[in-house]
Every structure is written in C-alpha cells, then in structure tokens.
C-alpha cells in the first residue's frame, strides 16, 4: 500500500514506523506527514500523542476518532516547510489536505507550528488558510487522489 502522505513510498517504509513508535519523526514535515497518514488510517492514539502537551487540553480520543472516521483522506500536498526564522518562533509546515465527506471533496489549507518536547517534534497549533468544500465528485470522475482511476474504482 502506498503511503497516504504522498511520498511515493510504501506505508510500511514511510509513516507506519513513526506511527507505531519504531522511529521518531526527524522533522516537523515528517511529523506532519505521519499525522496525515494517521488520520487516513485512523491511528487516533498517535494523533493525540503528537499534539504538544499545551494543545491536548480539550481533546479526546473519541472526538479525534469521530473526525478520522468521518473523513476519507485522499491527498496531501506539502506547500512549504520552514525552520525558525525572523518572522516565526516555530518551525512551520504549510500543507493542503484533501478529504471526502460523502461525495463532497473538501480542502483544508493550513500553516502548522511545531515544537520539540522531550526531543520529539509535536504539533503545537495551526492557522487555517482555507477550509472549504470544493466540489461534488461523481462516480465516473477522476479520483481526486491523483491515481488516474475513476472515483468509483478508487476512493468512491
């Protein structure tokens, strides 16, 4: 199975070892990709554990599970990954996550901030640039994941 994060590698070679705890994410981008893959595979414990401790307040495994189960994650685009600089105190990753709610294609475009806690990268917070329903997908439309298959044969 190809990794949901879009790296081109298999899930077993890419994000799965991070999600199951065999290795740690070596960068904010690697953490963000693994969190996307965790949403796609409904690994909600990992999602919760990779929030910064200050960001875990108010989160529950139940709410994370409901969101992960509700959405069908189809594509991730990393727009930019930056280390700290004059305009940001935190490393950032800008990304676009495409997901389906039923037959509706949605886009969440975010710039996420990351920090290190106990030598591990954690998701601190993010600024949503766009969160919108883009269009309805018909069964014979090309799948929005970019596979080249019809939607009904892929994510439909």
C-alpha atoms as a PDB file:
ATOM      1  CA  UNK A   1       0.000   0.000   0.000  1.00  0.00           C
ATOM      2  CA  UNK A   2       1.286   3.462  -0.941  1.00  0.00           C
ATOM      3  CA  UNK A   3       1.735   5.803   1.987  1.00  0.00           C
ATOM      4  CA  UNK A   4      -1.240   8.168   2.369  1.00  0.00           C
ATOM      5  CA  UNK A   5       1.186  11.089   2.842  1.00  0.00           C
ATOM      6  CA  UNK A   6       2.026  11.064  -0.866  1.00  0.00           C
ATOM      7  CA  UNK A   7       5.757  10.435  -0.508  1.00  0.00           C
ATOM      8  CA  UNK A   8       5.661   7.703  -3.151  1.00  0.00           C
ATOM      9  CA  UNK A   9       6.997   5.133  -0.694  1.00  0.00           C
ATOM     10  CA  UNK A  10       5.031   2.286   0.812  1.00  0.00           C
ATOM     11  CA  UNK A  11       3.252   2.933   4.100  1.00  0.00           C
ATOM     12  CA  UNK A  12       5.492   0.300   5.740  1.00  0.00           C
ATOM     13  CA  UNK A  13       8.632   2.184   4.628  1.00  0.00           C
ATOM     14  CA  UNK A  14       7.354   5.685   5.293  1.00  0.00           C
ATOM     15  CA  UNK A  15       4.890   6.725   8.004  1.00  0.00           C
ATOM     16  CA  UNK A  16       3.928   3.426   9.632  1.00  0.00           C
ATOM     17  CA  UNK A  17       7.218   3.030  11.590  1.00  0.00           C
ATOM     18  CA  UNK A  18       6.703   6.534  13.005  1.00  0.00           C
ATOM     19  CA  UNK A  19       3.036   5.916  13.851  1.00  0.00           C
ATOM     20  CA  UNK A  20       3.716   2.619  15.647  1.00  0.00           C
ATOM     21  CA  UNK A  21       6.675   4.089  17.534  1.00  0.00           C
ATOM     22  CA  UNK A  22       9.570   2.212  15.938  1.00  0.00           C
ATOM     23  CA  UNK A  23      11.224   5.506  14.971  1.00  0.00           C
ATOM     24  CA  UNK A  24      10.563   9.165  15.779  1.00  0.00           C
ATOM     25  CA  UNK A  25       9.791  11.863  13.235  1.00  0.00           C
ATOM     26  CA  UNK A  26      13.055  13.594  12.402  1.00  0.00           C
ATOM     27  CA  UNK A  27      11.496  16.891  11.282  1.00  0.00           C
ATOM     28  CA  UNK A  28       8.269  18.869  11.508  1.00  0.00           C
ATOM     29  CA  UNK A  29       7.462  17.837   7.930  1.00  0.00           C
ATOM     30  CA  UNK A  30       7.925  14.140   8.771  1.00  0.00           C
ATOM     31  CA  UNK A  31       5.662  14.586  11.802  1.00  0.00           C
ATOM     32  CA  UNK A  32       3.009  16.383   9.750  1.00  0.00           C
ATOM     33  CA  UNK A  33       3.094  13.673   7.068  1.00  0.00           C
ATOM     34  CA  UNK A  34       2.798  10.945   9.694  1.00  0.00           C
ATOM     35  CA  UNK A  35      -0.127  12.746  11.351  1.00  0.00           C
ATOM     36  CA  UNK A  36      -1.907  12.964   7.988  1.00  0.00           C
ATOM     37  CA  UNK A  37      -1.299   9.234   7.467  1.00  0.00           C
ATOM     38  CA  UNK A  38      -2.555   8.586  10.994  1.00  0.00           C
ATOM     39  CA  UNK A  39      -5.805  10.383  10.170  1.00  0.00           C
ATOM     40  CA  UNK A  40      -6.078   8.350   6.958  1.00  0.00           C
ATOM     41  CA  UNK A  41      -5.530   5.075   8.848  1.00  0.00           C
ATOM     42  CA  UNK A  42      -7.481   6.182  11.947  1.00  0.00           C
ATOM     43  CA  UNK A  43      -4.500   5.854  14.304  1.00  0.00           C
ATOM     44  CA  UNK A  44      -6.061   8.310  16.746  1.00  0.00           C
ATOM     45  CA  UNK A  45      -3.830   7.493  19.723  1.00  0.00           C
ATOM     46  CA  UNK A  46      -0.833   8.614  17.668  1.00  0.00           C
ATOM     47  CA  UNK A  47      -2.630  11.792  16.611  1.00  0.00           C
ATOM     48  CA  UNK A  48      -3.392  12.610  20.248  1.00  0.00           C
ATOM     49  CA  UNK A  49       0.142  11.782  21.406  1.00  0.00           C
ATOM     50  CA  UNK A  50       1.703  14.061  18.782  1.00  0.00           C
ATOM     51  CA  UNK A  51      -0.131  17.166  19.958  1.00  0.00           C
ATOM     52  CA  UNK A  52       2.034  19.398  22.150  1.00  0.00           C
ATOM     53  CA  UNK A  53       1.048  18.980  25.786  1.00  0.00           C
ATOM     54  CA  UNK A  54      -0.452  22.506  25.915  1.00  0.00           C
ATOM     55  CA  UNK A  55      -2.554  21.681  22.843  1.00  0.00           C
ATOM     56  CA  UNK A  56      -4.022  18.450  24.245  1.00  0.00           C
ATOM     57  CA  UNK A  57      -6.389  20.295  26.568  1.00  0.00           C
ATOM     58  CA  UNK A  58      -9.966  19.713  25.487  1.00  0.00           C
ATOM     59  CA  UNK A  59      -9.061  16.945  23.045  1.00  0.00           C
ATOM     60  CA  UNK A  60     -10.407  13.445  23.444  1.00  0.00           C
ATOM     61  CA  UNK A  61      -9.669  10.213  21.639  1.00  0.00           C
ATOM     62  CA  UNK A  62     -13.388   9.968  20.929  1.00  0.00           C
ATOM     63  CA  UNK A  63     -13.528  13.329  19.137  1.00  0.00           C
ATOM     64  CA  UNK A  64     -10.374  12.527  17.153  1.00  0.00           C
ATOM     65  CA  UNK A  65     -11.748   9.097  16.212  1.00  0.00           C
ATOM     66  CA  UNK A  66     -15.071  10.580  15.063  1.00  0.00           C
ATOM     67  CA  UNK A  67     -13.286  13.078  12.800  1.00  0.00           C
ATOM     68  CA  UNK A  68     -10.885  10.460  11.412  1.00  0.00           C
ATOM     69  CA  UNK A  69     -13.762   8.070  10.673  1.00  0.00           C
ATOM     70  CA  UNK A  70     -15.972  10.758   9.149  1.00  0.00           C
ATOM     71  CA  UNK A  71     -13.444  11.930   6.563  1.00  0.00           C
ATOM     72  CA  UNK A  72     -11.939   9.890   3.732  1.00  0.00           C
ATOM     73  CA  UNK A  73      -8.456  11.372   3.346  1.00  0.00           C
ATOM     74  CA  UNK A  74      -7.417  11.304  -0.317  1.00  0.00           C
ATOM     75  CA  UNK A  75      -4.426  13.578  -0.933  1.00  0.00           C
ATOM     76  CA  UNK A  76      -1.756  15.616   0.816  1.00  0.00           C
ATOM     77  CA  UNK A  77       0.290  18.414  -0.740  1.00  0.00           C
ATOM     78  CA  UNK A  78       3.170  19.913   1.207  1.00  0.00           C
ATOM     79  CA  UNK A  79       3.414  23.530   0.072  1.00  0.00           C
ATOM     80  CA  UNK A  80       6.355  24.633   2.219  1.00  0.00           C
ATOM     81  CA  UNK A  81       8.378  23.571   5.251  1.00  0.00           C
ATOM     82  CA  UNK A  82      10.439  26.186   7.119  1.00  0.00           C
ATOM     83  CA  UNK A  83      12.669  26.158  10.141  1.00  0.00           C
ATOM     84  CA  UNK A  84      12.522  29.080  12.563  1.00  0.00           C
ATOM     85  CA  UNK A  85      13.300  32.493  11.130  1.00  0.00           C
ATOM     86  CA  UNK A  86      12.791  36.176  11.853  1.00  0.00           C
ATOM     87  CA  UNK A  87       9.032  36.025  11.273  1.00  0.00           C
ATOM     88  CA  UNK A  88       8.280  32.788  13.130  1.00  0.00           C
ATOM     89  CA  UNK A  89       9.304  31.468  16.527  1.00  0.00           C
ATOM     90  CA  UNK A  90       8.418  27.931  15.494  1.00  0.00           C
ATOM     91  CA  UNK A  91       9.202  25.685  12.547  1.00  0.00           C
ATOM     92  CA  UNK A  92       6.211  25.620  10.203  1.00  0.00           C
ATOM     93  CA  UNK A  93       4.769  23.325   7.568  1.00  0.00           C
ATOM     94  CA  UNK A  94       2.232  24.636   5.090  1.00  0.00           C
ATOM     95  CA  UNK A  95       0.074  21.939   3.552  1.00  0.00           C
ATOM     96  CA  UNK A  96      -3.149  21.208   1.712  1.00  0.00           C
ATOM     97  CA  UNK A  97      -5.128  18.167   2.836  1.00  0.00           C
ATOM     98  CA  UNK A  98      -7.889  16.937   0.554  1.00  0.00           C
ATOM     99  CA  UNK A  99     -10.622  14.762   2.001  1.00  0.00           C
ATOM    100  CA  UNK A 100     -14.060  13.474   1.147  1.00  0.00           C
ATOM    101  CA  UNK A 101     -17.199  13.762   3.210  1.00  0.00           C
ATOM    102  CA  UNK A 102     -19.524  11.512   1.247  1.00  0.00           C
ATOM    103  CA  UNK A 103     -19.247  12.677  -2.364  1.00  0.00           C
ATOM    104  CA  UNK A 104     -18.022  16.171  -1.443  1.00  0.00           C
ATOM    105  CA  UNK A 105     -14.339  16.998  -1.923  1.00  0.00           C
ATOM    106  CA  UNK A 106     -13.014  19.314   0.789  1.00  0.00           C
ATOM    107  CA  UNK A 107      -9.743  21.178   1.176  1.00  0.00           C
ATOM    108  CA  UNK A 108      -8.046  22.180   4.403  1.00  0.00           C
ATOM    109  CA  UNK A 109      -5.096  24.512   3.751  1.00  0.00           C
ATOM    110  CA  UNK A 110      -3.097  25.180   6.910  1.00  0.00           C
ATOM    111  CA  UNK A 111       0.205  26.520   8.176  1.00  0.00           C
ATOM    112  CA  UNK A 112       1.116  24.413  11.212  1.00  0.00           C
ATOM    113  CA  UNK A 113       3.521  25.275  14.034  1.00  0.00           C
ATOM    114  CA  UNK A 114       5.687  22.651  15.712  1.00  0.00           C
ATOM    115  CA  UNK A 115       7.769  22.459  18.887  1.00  0.00           C
ATOM    116  CA  UNK A 116      10.042  19.896  20.458  1.00  0.00           C
ATOM    117  CA  UNK A 117       9.105  18.231  23.740  1.00  0.00           C
ATOM    118  CA  UNK A 118      11.480  15.669  25.226  1.00  0.00           C
ATOM    119  CA  UNK A 119      13.463  15.597  21.959  1.00  0.00           C
ATOM    120  CA  UNK A 120      10.399  14.782  19.851  1.00  0.00           C
ATOM    121  CA  UNK A 121       8.535  17.012  17.415  1.00  0.00           C
ATOM    122  CA  UNK A 122       4.957  17.860  18.399  1.00  0.00           C
ATOM    123  CA  UNK A 123       2.120  19.721  16.657  1.00  0.00           C
ATOM    124  CA  UNK A 124       1.504  22.986  18.507  1.00  0.00           C
ATOM    125  CA  UNK A 125      -1.205  24.735  16.506  1.00  0.00           C
ATOM    126  CA  UNK A 126      -2.083  25.904  13.044  1.00  0.00           C
ATOM    127  CA  UNK A 127      -3.530  28.776  11.085  1.00  0.00           C
ATOM    128  CA  UNK A 128      -6.263  27.702   8.679  1.00  0.00           C
ATOM    129  CA  UNK A 129      -5.880  29.496   5.360  1.00  0.00           C
ATOM    130  CA  UNK A 130      -8.801  27.755   3.662  1.00  0.00           C
ATOM    131  CA  UNK A 131     -11.325  25.155   4.784  1.00  0.00           C
ATOM    132  CA  UNK A 132     -13.911  24.649   2.084  1.00  0.00           C
ATOM    133  CA  UNK A 133     -15.979  22.206   0.110  1.00  0.00           C
ATOM    134  CA  UNK A 134     -14.543  22.316  -3.402  1.00  0.00           C
ATOM    135  CA  UNK A 135     -16.981  20.205  -5.414  1.00  0.00           C
ATOM    136  CA  UNK A 136     -19.149  17.117  -5.579  1.00  0.00           C
ATOM    137  CA  UNK A 137     -17.411  14.087  -7.064  1.00  0.00           C
ATOM    138  CA  UNK A 138     -19.394  11.888  -9.444  1.00  0.00           C
ATOM    139  CA  UNK A 139     -18.752   8.147  -9.677  1.00  0.00           C
ATOM    140  CA  UNK A 140     -17.096   8.348 -13.121  1.00  0.00           C
ATOM    141  CA  UNK A 141     -14.996  11.448 -12.356  1.00  0.00           C
ATOM    142  CA  UNK A 142     -11.234  11.028 -11.971  1.00  0.00           C
ATOM    143  CA  UNK A 143     -10.380  10.270  -8.356  1.00  0.00           C
ATOM    144  CA  UNK A 144      -9.097  13.392  -6.571  1.00  0.00           C
ATOM    145  CA  UNK A 145      -6.203  11.398  -5.092  1.00  0.00           C
ATOM    146  CA  UNK A 146      -4.413  11.563  -8.451  1.00  0.00           C
ATOM    147  CA  UNK A 147      -4.307   7.803  -9.076  1.00  0.00           C
ATOM    148  CA  UNK A 148      -5.735   8.169 -12.585  1.00  0.00           C
ATOM    149  CA  UNK A 149      -8.570   5.798 -11.718  1.00  0.00           C
ATOM    150  CA  UNK A 150     -12.248   6.628 -11.738  1.00  0.00           C
ATOM    151  CA  UNK A 151     -13.571   7.735  -8.357  1.00  0.00           C
ATOM    152  CA  UNK A 152     -15.856   4.680  -8.074  1.00  0.00           C
ATOM    153  CA  UNK A 153     -12.846   2.334  -8.528  1.00  0.00           C
ATOM    154  CA  UNK A 154     -10.614   4.171  -6.073  1.00  0.00           C
ATOM    155  CA  UNK A 155     -11.930   6.232  -3.138  1.00  0.00           C
ATOM    156  CA  UNK A 156     -15.634   6.067  -4.079  1.00  0.00           C
END
